[in-house]
Amino acid sequence: MKTEKLNLSFSLKFAFGFGQLAEGLIDGVIRILLLFYFNQVLGLSASLCGIALLIATIVDAVTDPMMGTISDNWRSRWGRRHPFMYASVLPASGFLFLLFNPPVLTEGALFGWLTVFVVLTRVGQSLYHVPHLALGAELSSDFDERTQLASFRMVFGVAGSLLVAVGFANFFAPTDAFPNGQLNPENYPIFISFAALGVLVSILASSLGTQSVVPYLPVPSDAQASTGNGVAKIVRDIWDSVSNRSFRWLVLAFITAGIPGGIGSAFGLYVNTFFWKLTPSQVSLLLIAGAVATFAGYLIAPVAGRFMEKKTVMIWGMFAWAMGTSLPILLHFAGLFPLQGTTTAFVLLFGFAVVTGLGLAQLIVAVSSMMADVADEFELETGRRNQGVFFGAFSVCAKASGGTGVAVGGLMLDLIDWPTGAAVETAADVPPEVLTHLALLAGPLVAGCFVPFYLCIRNYDISRARFHEIRQSLDTGR
């Protein structure tokens, strides 16, 4: 039975998509909480936090493409993707739990703990994420159905982020000792325990729920499998992938979008807490608003994809994100935004969070669906089904750009002399010029990356018509 004739029932789509909950939880706690926890709460230098994340990014650059090549060529009765998905259950959840439970407090020991366990968490995530992404490309070869699958998967991804936002409200409540609950170090291990449990359940349920389709999925050819999984093959596969024009420009565009996104996420708690002077409950409501809007955006994305090219959807999504991120700060400095800490300001920020979430969803769904189309084009050009390689490269770009963004954010905090420690509780404890520098970095500078993003994505040229030509050629050749 050929892959394109698989009957993708609701239960199968649900099981596949549910696996993205783990990704949403891991990425949510790392993007939103990691830098703030180690820097603002535990007192580790923001630059050292950034270096630890950069080290993890370098490791990702090796492990993600490696997982793509290995799973592309793996043969077993459980398929070529599922063995690694099962193997990731304990590492992904266990290392995430340990990451936020350092038994040490000195700066050197904290840096070592952060470096080791953020690397191990990312490796555990790669073990699952890359095969799971590649599995999605194999479930369907239909242009619009791939967008539906990507949307379905990302709905659960944002559900993970939403759980982080809701958990923020419930686990970081103020106390007499810590009126600002996110500064209480005892809250983080408790919250992360639930997040790690969610990761475990998500991966296991998705792996078991999609196991039944394994007999109908592609297997590596004898020639492909015989080439092995050595370093030379991994390097060759990556080089061949980069030689594909569509892949090259799509990746560059995603990197130019992902790095500012990572910086914005890293600065989020700092900006909302100290610049906008929001309470913990208001910060939580903004996080929930963004997550719900992203959820709605994922549901809208398949509809938008029927009327516009995927590239166009991606451009408009990035533009909405950039405007939602920068306009409040620009309006503030122009004297056209309400005073910080007021109800009116919070309501407007809530609206901008919705715009940002809707735009982000269009970008992510589009790029996920486009990557599957690129894999088809590569198969037509080379005769090799290397979805794992492409999604491995895509995964490393996603994690590397986001991780690099958080790392750069940490370095920027030290450059502007951001104060840390128990004495820093409100905006009054931060010099006004430092708050201004933070706002400029988190708003206009980050949003300005729309320009290089646009210059890259405009070179991507797999249109709907081109896709149908590719699929017709592939189907005719079978």
Protein backbone atom coordinates (compact mmCIF):
# COMPACT_ATOMS: atom_id res chain seq x y z
CA MET A 1 0.00 0.00 0.00
CA LYS A 2 1.46 3.36 -0.97
CA THR A 3 1.83 6.16 1.50
CA GLU A 4 -0.41 8.60 -0.37
CA LYS A 5 -3.38 6.19 -0.12
CA LEU A 6 -3.27 5.90 3.65
CA ASN A 7 -6.60 6.69 5.24
CA LEU A 8 -5.65 9.32 7.78
CA SER A 9 -8.41 8.90 10.34
CA PHE A 10 -9.05 11.45 13.04
CA SER A 11 -7.62 9.10 15.68
CA LEU A 12 -4.39 8.70 13.70
CA LYS A 13 -4.03 12.45 13.20
CA PHE A 14 -4.76 12.95 16.90
CA ALA A 15 -2.11 10.42 17.93
CA PHE A 16 0.47 11.96 15.61
CA GLY A 17 -0.33 15.51 16.63
CA PHE A 18 -0.43 14.68 20.34
CA GLY A 19 3.27 13.92 20.16
CA GLN A 20 3.95 17.61 19.62
CA LEU A 21 2.73 18.33 23.14
CA ALA A 22 6.12 17.15 24.36
CA GLU A 23 7.86 19.62 22.06
CA GLY A 24 5.63 22.44 23.24
CA LEU A 25 6.39 21.69 26.88
CA ILE A 26 10.16 21.39 26.41
CA ASP A 27 10.46 24.45 24.18
CA GLY A 28 8.09 26.45 26.38
CA VAL A 29 10.01 25.97 29.61
CA ILE A 30 13.37 26.52 27.89
CA ARG A 31 12.28 29.63 25.97
CA ILE A 32 10.24 31.26 28.71
CA LEU A 33 11.79 30.14 31.98
CA LEU A 34 15.35 28.87 31.57
CA LEU A 35 17.28 32.14 31.22
CA PHE A 36 15.13 33.93 33.80
CA TYR A 37 15.49 31.08 36.29
CA PHE A 38 19.25 30.65 36.11
CA ASN A 39 20.02 34.35 35.70
CA GLN A 40 17.43 36.34 37.65
CA VAL A 41 16.50 33.74 40.30
CA LEU A 42 19.72 31.76 40.85
CA GLY A 43 22.11 34.58 39.95
CA LEU A 44 24.15 32.92 37.20
CA SER A 45 25.72 35.39 34.79
CA ALA A 46 23.52 35.94 31.73
CA SER A 47 26.60 35.59 29.52
CA LEU A 48 27.39 32.18 31.03
CA CYS A 49 23.76 31.17 30.43
CA GLY A 50 24.21 32.22 26.83
CA ILE A 51 27.44 30.24 26.47
CA ALA A 52 25.75 27.10 27.86
CA LEU A 53 22.93 27.45 25.32
CA LEU A 54 25.41 28.02 22.50
CA ILE A 55 27.20 24.80 23.45
CA ALA A 56 23.86 22.98 23.31
CA THR A 57 23.26 24.51 19.88
CA ILE A 58 26.59 23.17 18.60
CA VAL A 59 25.69 19.69 19.86
CA ASP A 60 22.29 20.00 18.14
CA ALA A 61 24.09 20.76 14.90
CA VAL A 62 25.58 17.26 15.08
CA THR A 63 22.86 15.17 16.71
CA ASP A 64 19.82 16.36 14.75
CA PRO A 65 21.12 15.65 11.23
CA MET A 66 22.66 12.42 12.57
CA MET A 67 19.25 11.30 13.82
CA GLY A 68 17.78 12.16 10.44
CA THR A 69 20.25 10.00 8.54
CA ILE A 70 20.10 7.11 11.02
CA SER A 71 16.30 6.95 11.05
CA ASP A 72 16.16 7.28 7.24
CA ASN A 73 18.21 4.11 6.90
CA TRP A 74 16.96 2.13 9.91
CA ARG A 75 15.23 -1.20 9.39
CA SER A 76 13.24 -2.99 12.06
CA ARG A 77 9.85 -4.58 12.56
CA TRP A 78 8.82 -1.41 14.42
CA GLY A 79 9.66 0.74 11.41
CA ARG A 80 12.46 3.19 10.88
CA ARG A 81 11.15 6.05 13.06
CA HIS A 82 9.37 4.43 16.02
CA PRO A 83 12.34 2.70 17.71
CA PHE A 84 13.92 6.09 18.37
CA MET A 85 10.65 7.64 19.47
CA TYR A 86 10.26 4.93 22.11
CA ALA A 87 13.90 5.27 23.15
CA SER A 88 13.47 9.00 23.84
CA VAL A 89 10.72 8.68 26.44
CA LEU A 90 12.90 8.61 29.57
CA PRO A 91 15.82 10.79 28.39
CA ALA A 92 13.63 13.65 27.16
CA SER A 93 11.48 13.80 30.30
CA GLY A 94 14.14 12.84 32.87
CA PHE A 95 16.83 15.27 31.75
CA LEU A 96 14.30 18.12 31.58
CA PHE A 97 13.41 17.46 35.21
CA LEU A 98 17.08 17.41 36.26
CA LEU A 99 17.83 20.59 34.30
CA PHE A 100 15.67 22.66 36.66
CA ASN A 101 16.80 20.89 39.83
CA PRO A 102 20.45 21.91 40.33
CA PRO A 103 21.81 20.74 43.71
CA VAL A 104 24.53 23.41 43.56
CA LEU A 105 24.56 27.20 43.96
CA THR A 106 28.09 28.44 43.17
CA GLU A 107 28.39 30.13 39.78
CA GLY A 108 30.89 27.65 38.33
CA ALA A 109 28.87 24.63 39.44
CA LEU A 110 25.63 26.19 38.19
CA PHE A 111 27.21 26.83 34.80
CA GLY A 112 28.41 23.22 34.62
CA TRP A 113 24.99 21.86 35.61
CA LEU A 114 23.19 24.06 33.11
CA THR A 115 25.55 23.15 30.29
CA VAL A 116 25.45 19.39 30.88
CA PHE A 117 21.72 19.07 31.35
CA VAL A 118 20.57 21.48 28.67
CA VAL A 119 22.73 19.47 26.24
CA LEU A 120 21.32 16.15 27.48
CA THR A 121 17.76 17.49 27.35
CA ARG A 122 18.27 18.61 23.76
CA VAL A 123 19.80 15.25 22.80
CA GLY A 124 16.83 13.42 24.32
CA GLN A 125 14.53 15.78 22.42
CA SER A 126 16.37 15.10 19.15
CA LEU A 127 16.00 11.37 19.62
CA TYR A 128 12.24 11.86 19.40
CA HIS A 129 11.65 15.08 17.49
CA VAL A 130 13.48 14.34 14.23
CA PRO A 131 11.89 10.90 13.62
CA HIS A 132 8.48 12.31 14.61
CA LEU A 133 8.79 15.15 12.09
CA ALA A 134 9.92 12.76 9.35
CA LEU A 135 7.01 10.45 10.15
CA GLY A 136 4.59 13.30 9.41
CA ALA A 137 6.06 13.79 5.94
CA GLU A 138 5.56 10.08 5.22
CA LEU A 139 1.92 9.95 6.28
CA SER A 140 0.69 11.94 3.28
CA SER A 141 1.88 13.20 -0.09
CA ASP A 142 -1.09 15.53 -0.66
CA PHE A 143 -0.26 19.27 -0.86
CA ASP A 144 -3.12 20.48 1.36
CA GLU A 145 -3.27 17.44 3.64
CA ARG A 146 0.33 18.04 4.62
CA THR A 147 -0.66 21.51 5.78
CA GLN A 148 -3.52 19.93 7.75
CA LEU A 149 -1.11 17.49 9.40
CA ALA A 150 1.32 20.28 10.22
CA SER A 151 -1.54 22.31 11.65
CA PHE A 152 -2.80 19.35 13.68
CA ARG A 153 0.67 18.75 15.08
CA MET A 154 1.22 22.38 15.95
CA VAL A 155 -2.15 22.66 17.74
CA PHE A 156 -0.73 20.26 20.32
CA GLY A 157 2.57 22.12 20.30
CA VAL A 158 0.84 25.31 21.34
CA ALA A 159 -1.19 23.30 23.86
CA GLY A 160 2.16 22.54 25.51
CA SER A 161 3.01 26.23 25.57
CA LEU A 162 -0.46 26.96 26.92
CA LEU A 163 0.09 24.49 29.75
CA VAL A 164 3.31 26.34 30.58
CA ALA A 165 1.36 29.62 30.66
CA VAL A 166 -1.43 28.20 32.82
CA GLY A 167 1.13 26.55 35.09
CA PHE A 168 2.87 29.90 35.43
CA ALA A 169 -0.30 31.34 36.95
CA ASN A 170 -0.84 28.44 39.35
CA PHE A 171 2.67 27.50 40.42
CA PHE A 172 4.17 31.01 40.67
CA ALA A 173 1.58 32.64 42.89
CA PRO A 174 2.85 35.42 45.20
CA THR A 175 3.66 34.74 48.85
CA ASP A 176 4.62 36.94 51.78
CA ALA A 177 8.28 36.10 51.24
CA PHE A 178 8.05 36.46 47.45
CA PRO A 179 5.39 38.98 46.35
CA ASN A 180 6.66 38.34 42.82
CA GLY A 181 6.13 34.57 42.55
CA GLN A 182 8.43 33.99 39.59
CA LEU A 183 11.37 35.00 41.80
CA ASN A 184 10.74 32.13 44.23
CA PRO A 185 13.28 29.37 43.45
CA GLU A 186 11.16 26.71 45.18
CA ASN A 187 8.38 27.05 42.60
CA TYR A 188 10.41 25.88 39.61
CA PRO A 189 11.18 22.23 40.53
CA ILE A 190 7.52 21.58 41.40
CA PHE A 191 6.29 23.02 38.11
CA ILE A 192 8.93 21.19 36.06
CA SER A 193 7.89 17.86 37.60
CA PHE A 194 4.48 18.20 35.97
CA ALA A 195 6.00 19.40 32.70
CA ALA A 196 8.34 16.38 32.56
CA LEU A 197 5.43 14.03 33.22
CA GLY A 198 3.55 15.64 30.33
CA VAL A 199 6.55 15.05 28.05
CA LEU A 200 6.66 11.37 29.00
CA VAL A 201 2.93 10.81 28.40
CA SER A 202 2.93 12.71 25.10
CA ILE A 203 5.83 10.82 23.52
CA LEU A 204 4.64 7.40 24.64
CA ALA A 205 1.03 7.96 23.57
CA SER A 206 2.01 9.30 20.14
CA SER A 207 4.44 6.46 19.49
CA LEU A 208 1.90 3.79 20.44
CA GLY A 209 -0.92 5.54 18.61
CA THR A 210 0.92 5.67 15.27
CA GLN A 211 2.57 2.24 15.46
CA SER A 212 -0.21 0.64 13.36
CA VAL A 213 0.75 2.55 10.18
CA VAL A 214 4.33 1.27 10.11
CA PRO A 215 3.59 -1.55 7.56
CA TYR A 216 2.31 1.06 5.10
CA LEU A 217 5.22 3.49 5.35
CA PRO A 218 8.26 3.69 3.05
CA VAL A 219 11.32 1.65 3.94
CA PRO A 220 14.90 2.38 2.89
CA SER A 221 15.90 0.76 -0.38
CA ASP A 222 18.62 -1.87 -0.39
CA ALA A 223 21.00 0.60 -2.00
CA GLN A 224 20.16 3.31 0.51
CA ALA A 225 20.39 1.04 3.55
CA SER A 226 23.62 -0.52 2.37
CA THR A 227 25.39 2.82 2.52
CA GLY A 228 25.17 2.67 6.31
CA ASN A 229 25.02 5.49 8.83
CA GLY A 230 28.66 6.48 9.08
CA VAL A 231 30.00 9.99 9.45
CA ALA A 232 30.83 10.20 5.74
CA LYS A 233 27.24 9.39 4.80
CA ILE A 234 25.84 11.89 7.28
CA VAL A 235 28.09 14.63 5.89
CA ARG A 236 27.19 13.66 2.32
CA ASP A 237 23.46 13.68 3.05
CA ILE A 238 23.67 17.10 4.67
CA TRP A 239 25.73 18.46 1.77
CA ASP A 240 23.22 17.11 -0.75
CA SER A 241 20.38 18.69 1.21
CA VAL A 242 22.06 22.10 1.29
CA SER A 243 22.65 21.88 -2.46
CA ASN A 244 18.88 21.97 -2.96
CA ARG A 245 17.95 25.59 -3.67
CA SER A 246 14.49 25.43 -2.11
CA PHE A 247 15.82 23.90 1.09
CA ARG A 248 18.68 26.37 1.31
CA TRP A 249 16.50 29.48 1.12
CA LEU A 250 13.79 28.04 3.36
CA VAL A 251 16.34 27.27 6.06
CA LEU A 252 17.96 30.70 5.81
CA ALA A 253 14.57 32.36 6.08
CA PHE A 254 13.64 30.27 9.09
CA ILE A 255 16.93 31.07 10.83
CA THR A 256 16.45 34.81 10.30
CA ALA A 257 12.98 34.44 11.85
CA GLY A 258 13.99 32.03 14.63
CA ILE A 259 16.87 34.00 16.14
CA PRO A 260 14.82 37.16 16.83
CA GLY A 261 12.02 34.91 18.06
CA GLY A 262 14.41 33.36 20.56
CA ILE A 263 15.61 36.78 21.71
CA GLY A 264 12.02 37.94 22.14
CA SER A 265 11.14 34.85 24.17
CA ALA A 266 14.22 35.26 26.38
CA PHE A 267 13.34 38.89 27.09
CA GLY A 268 9.62 38.23 27.58
CA LEU A 269 9.56 37.86 31.37
CA TYR A 270 12.04 40.70 31.83
CA VAL A 271 10.06 43.13 29.64
CA ASN A 272 6.65 42.26 31.05
CA THR A 273 7.79 42.24 34.67
CA PHE A 274 10.09 45.24 34.77
CA PHE A 275 9.37 47.46 31.73
CA TRP A 276 5.59 47.09 31.44
CA LYS A 277 5.26 46.63 35.25
CA LEU A 278 2.77 43.79 34.98
CA THR A 279 1.76 41.58 37.90
CA PRO A 280 2.45 37.81 37.74
CA SER A 281 -1.22 37.15 36.99
CA GLN A 282 -1.15 39.67 34.12
CA VAL A 283 2.04 38.12 32.75
CA SER A 284 0.31 34.74 32.83
CA LEU A 285 -2.73 36.14 31.01
CA LEU A 286 -0.46 37.52 28.26
CA LEU A 287 1.21 34.13 27.88
CA ILE A 288 -2.20 32.45 27.72
CA ALA A 289 -3.46 35.01 25.18
CA GLY A 290 -0.47 34.37 22.92
CA ALA A 291 -0.83 30.61 23.23
CA VAL A 292 -4.60 30.63 22.56
CA ALA A 293 -4.10 32.95 19.58
CA THR A 294 -1.41 30.64 18.23
CA PHE A 295 -3.78 27.72 18.73
CA ALA A 296 -6.46 29.56 16.72
CA GLY A 297 -3.86 30.44 14.10
CA TYR A 298 -3.01 26.79 13.62
CA LEU A 299 -6.68 26.07 12.93
CA ILE A 300 -6.83 28.95 10.44
CA ALA A 301 -3.59 28.02 8.64
CA PRO A 302 -5.01 25.17 6.48
CA VAL A 303 -7.78 27.50 5.27
CA ALA A 304 -5.31 30.27 4.46
CA GLY A 305 -3.15 27.72 2.62
CA ARG A 306 -5.99 26.96 0.20
CA PHE A 307 -6.16 30.57 -0.99
CA MET A 308 -2.51 31.62 -0.85
CA GLU A 309 0.84 30.10 -1.63
CA LYS A 310 2.57 28.72 1.45
CA LYS A 311 5.37 31.24 1.00
CA THR A 312 2.88 34.11 1.08
CA VAL A 313 1.27 32.76 4.25
CA MET A 314 4.70 32.56 5.86
CA ILE A 315 5.52 36.18 4.92
CA TRP A 316 2.29 37.57 6.32
CA GLY A 317 2.73 35.51 9.47
CA MET A 318 6.21 36.90 10.08
CA PHE A 319 5.01 40.45 9.39
CA ALA A 320 2.20 40.12 11.95
CA TRP A 321 4.65 38.76 14.52
CA ALA A 322 7.10 41.62 13.90
CA MET A 323 4.40 44.28 14.22
CA GLY A 324 2.91 42.73 17.35
CA THR A 325 6.35 42.62 18.95
CA SER A 326 7.58 46.11 18.12
CA LEU A 327 4.57 48.43 17.91
CA PRO A 328 3.76 48.64 21.65
CA ILE A 329 7.32 49.74 22.46
CA LEU A 330 7.51 52.12 19.49
CA LEU A 331 4.19 53.68 20.47
CA HIS A 332 5.43 54.00 24.06
CA PHE A 333 8.52 55.94 23.07
CA ALA A 334 6.40 58.10 20.74
CA GLY A 335 4.18 58.99 23.70
CA LEU A 336 1.15 57.28 22.15
CA PHE A 337 0.85 54.31 24.53
CA PRO A 338 -0.78 54.34 27.99
CA LEU A 339 1.44 54.46 31.07
CA GLN A 340 3.03 51.21 32.18
CA GLY A 341 1.22 49.35 34.91
CA THR A 342 -2.24 50.68 33.96
CA THR A 343 -5.22 48.54 33.03
CA THR A 344 -5.48 50.23 29.62
CA ALA A 345 -1.87 49.37 28.82
CA PHE A 346 -2.47 45.74 29.80
CA VAL A 347 -5.56 45.50 27.57
CA LEU A 348 -3.61 46.83 24.59
CA LEU A 349 -0.70 44.47 25.28
CA PHE A 350 -3.22 41.63 25.42
CA GLY A 351 -4.42 42.57 21.92
CA PHE A 352 -0.87 42.73 20.57
CA ALA A 353 -0.17 39.30 22.10
CA VAL A 354 -3.11 37.93 20.11
CA VAL A 355 -1.77 39.42 16.87
CA THR A 356 1.69 38.02 17.59
CA GLY A 357 0.31 34.53 18.28
CA LEU A 358 -1.82 34.47 15.14
CA GLY A 359 1.16 35.50 13.00
CA LEU A 360 3.54 33.02 14.59
CA ALA A 361 1.14 30.15 13.85
CA GLN A 362 1.02 30.94 10.13
CA LEU A 363 4.81 31.00 9.92
CA ILE A 364 5.34 27.70 11.74
CA VAL A 365 2.63 25.71 9.93
CA ALA A 366 3.77 26.99 6.55
CA VAL A 367 7.44 26.13 7.05
CA SER A 368 6.62 22.64 8.38
CA SER A 369 4.48 21.87 5.35
CA MET A 370 7.01 23.41 2.94
CA MET A 371 9.78 21.19 4.31
CA ALA A 372 7.82 18.09 3.28
CA ASP A 373 7.46 19.55 -0.23
CA VAL A 374 11.21 20.14 -0.37
CA ALA A 375 11.81 16.47 0.53
CA ASP A 376 9.64 15.46 -2.45
CA GLU A 377 11.61 17.70 -4.78
CA PHE A 378 14.83 16.17 -3.48
CA GLU A 379 13.47 12.67 -4.08
CA LEU A 380 12.63 13.60 -7.67
CA GLU A 381 16.14 14.96 -8.23
CA THR A 382 18.09 12.14 -6.55
CA GLY A 383 15.75 9.15 -6.20
CA ARG A 384 16.34 9.06 -2.41
CA ARG A 385 13.65 9.42 0.26
CA ASN A 386 15.58 11.40 2.85
CA GLN A 387 12.80 13.01 4.88
CA GLY A 388 14.77 12.35 8.06
CA VAL A 389 17.74 14.32 6.78
CA PHE A 390 15.62 17.32 5.85
CA PHE A 391 13.65 17.32 9.06
CA GLY A 392 16.82 16.71 11.04
CA ALA A 393 18.31 19.79 9.42
CA PHE A 394 15.06 21.66 9.98
CA SER A 395 15.04 20.60 13.64
CA VAL A 396 18.58 21.77 14.23
CA CYS A 397 17.79 25.08 12.54
CA ALA A 398 14.70 25.53 14.70
CA LYS A 399 16.49 24.69 17.93
CA ALA A 400 19.72 26.40 16.91
CA SER A 401 18.05 29.65 15.91
CA GLY A 402 15.84 29.70 18.98
CA GLY A 403 18.71 28.63 21.26
CA THR A 404 21.03 31.15 19.66
CA GLY A 405 18.37 33.80 20.17
CA VAL A 406 18.13 33.01 23.89
CA ALA A 407 21.93 32.90 24.12
CA VAL A 408 22.28 36.25 22.36
CA GLY A 409 19.60 37.60 24.68
CA GLY A 410 21.70 36.54 27.66
CA LEU A 411 24.79 38.25 26.27
CA MET A 412 22.75 41.41 25.62
CA LEU A 413 21.54 41.48 29.22
CA ASP A 414 25.13 41.61 30.43
CA LEU A 415 25.99 44.27 27.83
CA ILE A 416 23.30 46.58 29.22
CA ASP A 417 24.38 45.77 32.82
CA TRP A 418 21.11 44.17 33.82
CA PRO A 419 20.99 43.80 37.64
CA THR A 420 20.22 40.46 39.28
CA GLY A 421 19.77 39.11 42.79
CA ALA A 422 17.19 39.17 45.55
CA ALA A 423 17.26 42.97 45.71
CA VAL A 424 15.77 43.27 42.21
CA GLU A 425 12.02 42.85 42.67
CA THR A 426 10.35 45.69 40.72
CA ALA A 427 11.08 48.24 38.00
CA ALA A 428 12.14 50.69 40.71
CA ASP A 429 15.18 48.46 41.35
CA VAL A 430 16.40 48.80 37.74
CA PRO A 431 18.06 52.00 36.39
CA PRO A 432 15.74 53.77 33.88
CA GLU A 433 18.35 53.78 31.12
CA VAL A 434 18.77 50.01 31.47
CA LEU A 435 15.01 49.55 31.09
CA THR A 436 15.11 51.71 27.96
CA HIS A 437 17.92 49.62 26.48
CA LEU A 438 15.99 46.42 27.27
CA ALA A 439 12.87 47.71 25.52
CA LEU A 440 14.79 48.81 22.43
CA LEU A 441 16.46 45.42 22.16
CA ALA A 442 13.25 43.44 22.75
CA GLY A 443 11.09 45.47 20.37
CA PRO A 444 12.40 47.40 17.34
CA LEU A 445 15.74 45.60 17.04
CA VAL A 446 14.15 42.14 17.17
CA ALA A 447 11.31 43.05 14.79
CA GLY A 448 13.78 44.59 12.34
CA CYS A 449 14.87 41.07 11.40
CA PHE A 450 11.77 40.87 9.18
CA VAL A 451 13.82 42.46 6.39
CA PRO A 452 16.51 39.74 6.04
CA PHE A 453 13.78 37.12 6.48
CA TYR A 454 11.85 38.55 3.53
CA LEU A 455 14.94 38.80 1.34
CA CYS A 456 15.58 35.08 1.93
CA ILE A 457 12.07 33.62 1.63
CA ARG A 458 11.30 35.42 -1.62
CA ASN A 459 13.83 33.07 -3.29
CA TYR A 460 11.87 29.92 -2.32
CA ASP A 461 10.12 28.73 -5.46
CA ILE A 462 8.05 25.57 -4.86
CA SER A 463 4.60 26.86 -5.74
CA ARG A 464 1.40 24.84 -5.78
CA ALA A 465 1.84 24.29 -9.52
CA ARG A 466 5.47 23.21 -9.10
CA PHE A 467 4.46 20.81 -6.31
CA HIS A 468 1.87 19.09 -8.53
CA GLU A 469 4.50 18.68 -11.26
CA ILE A 470 6.82 17.03 -8.72
CA ARG A 471 4.14 14.68 -7.38
CA GLN A 472 3.02 13.71 -10.90
CA SER A 473 6.58 12.85 -11.86
CA LEU A 474 7.14 10.83 -8.68
CA ASP A 475 3.84 8.95 -8.98
CA THR A 476 4.43 8.21 -12.66
CA GLY A 477 7.84 6.77 -11.85
CA ARG A 478 6.46 4.25 -9.36
